[in-house]
């Protein structure tokens, strides 16, 4: 069963308080997502470190419930 956008957002917002998450369905199938995550926790971190924080928030769901996620991350300006 694919993950709904609201579930993905909830996981990220719970793990990264203050994060703003924008979701987009890339294929219209609720299985291929693009997420833009802006979070204060990203300040001073490399892109790889930022992405790891998001993947950690998803708790191992990548490749299972969450098939594909195109990720863009940034710290607030």
Protein backbone atom coordinates (compact mmCIF):
# COMPACT_ATOMS: atom_id res chain seq x y z
CA UNK A 1 0.00 0.00 0.00
CA UNK A 2 1.55 3.34 -1.03
CA UNK A 3 2.08 6.05 1.58
CA UNK A 4 -0.19 9.08 1.49
CA UNK A 5 1.38 12.54 1.35
CA UNK A 6 -0.15 13.43 4.72
CA UNK A 7 1.58 10.43 6.34
CA UNK A 8 4.95 11.41 4.88
CA UNK A 9 4.51 15.01 6.02
CA UNK A 10 3.49 13.89 9.53
CA UNK A 11 6.60 11.71 9.92
CA UNK A 12 8.91 14.50 8.80
CA UNK A 13 7.22 17.20 10.91
CA UNK A 14 7.30 14.95 13.99
CA UNK A 15 11.03 14.24 13.61
CA UNK A 16 11.93 17.80 12.56
CA UNK A 17 9.79 20.24 14.58
CA UNK A 18 9.27 23.51 12.74
CA UNK A 19 9.83 21.91 9.32
CA UNK A 20 7.77 23.08 6.35
CA UNK A 21 7.07 20.23 3.92
CA UNK A 22 5.69 20.68 0.41
CA UNK A 23 4.63 17.47 -1.35
CA UNK A 24 4.00 16.86 -5.05
CA UNK A 25 2.74 13.64 -6.66
CA UNK A 26 5.09 13.07 -9.62
CA UNK A 27 3.17 10.33 -11.41
CA UNK A 28 -0.43 10.69 -10.18
CA UNK A 29 -0.17 7.29 -8.48
CA UNK A 30 0.47 8.28 -4.83
CA UNK A 31 3.67 6.25 -5.05
CA UNK A 32 6.23 8.65 -6.60
CA UNK A 33 6.65 11.83 -4.58
CA UNK A 34 8.69 15.00 -4.63
CA UNK A 35 9.18 16.68 -1.27
CA UNK A 36 10.68 20.06 -0.51
CA UNK A 37 11.63 20.24 3.16
CA UNK A 38 12.69 23.48 4.83
CA UNK A 39 13.81 22.93 8.41
CA UNK A 40 15.83 24.85 10.99
CA UNK A 41 17.69 21.61 11.82
CA UNK A 42 19.38 21.81 8.40
CA UNK A 43 21.33 24.99 9.22
CA UNK A 44 25.07 24.37 8.88
CA UNK A 45 24.59 20.84 7.56
CA UNK A 46 25.63 19.47 4.17
CA UNK A 47 22.98 18.37 1.67
CA UNK A 48 23.84 14.72 2.44
CA UNK A 49 23.37 15.34 6.18
CA UNK A 50 20.06 17.11 5.52
CA UNK A 51 18.78 14.22 3.40
CA UNK A 52 19.86 11.71 6.06
CA UNK A 53 17.75 13.56 8.65
CA UNK A 54 14.71 13.23 6.37
CA UNK A 55 15.36 9.55 5.59
CA UNK A 56 15.82 8.87 9.31
CA UNK A 57 12.45 10.57 9.92
CA UNK A 58 10.85 8.13 7.46
CA UNK A 59 12.01 5.24 9.61
CA UNK A 60 13.09 2.77 6.95
CA UNK A 61 9.97 3.13 4.80
CA UNK A 62 11.98 4.07 1.67
CA UNK A 63 11.87 1.23 -0.83
CA UNK A 64 8.91 -0.35 0.94
CA UNK A 65 5.76 1.65 1.66
CA UNK A 66 7.45 4.67 0.11
CA UNK A 67 8.61 3.67 -3.35
CA UNK A 68 10.20 6.88 -4.66
CA UNK A 69 10.95 10.27 -3.12
CA UNK A 70 12.65 13.13 -4.95
CA UNK A 71 14.02 15.24 -2.12
CA UNK A 72 14.95 18.92 -1.96
CA UNK A 73 16.13 20.30 1.38
CA UNK A 74 17.12 23.69 2.70
CA UNK A 75 17.46 25.66 5.89
CA UNK A 76 15.11 28.63 6.36
CA UNK A 77 16.48 31.92 5.05
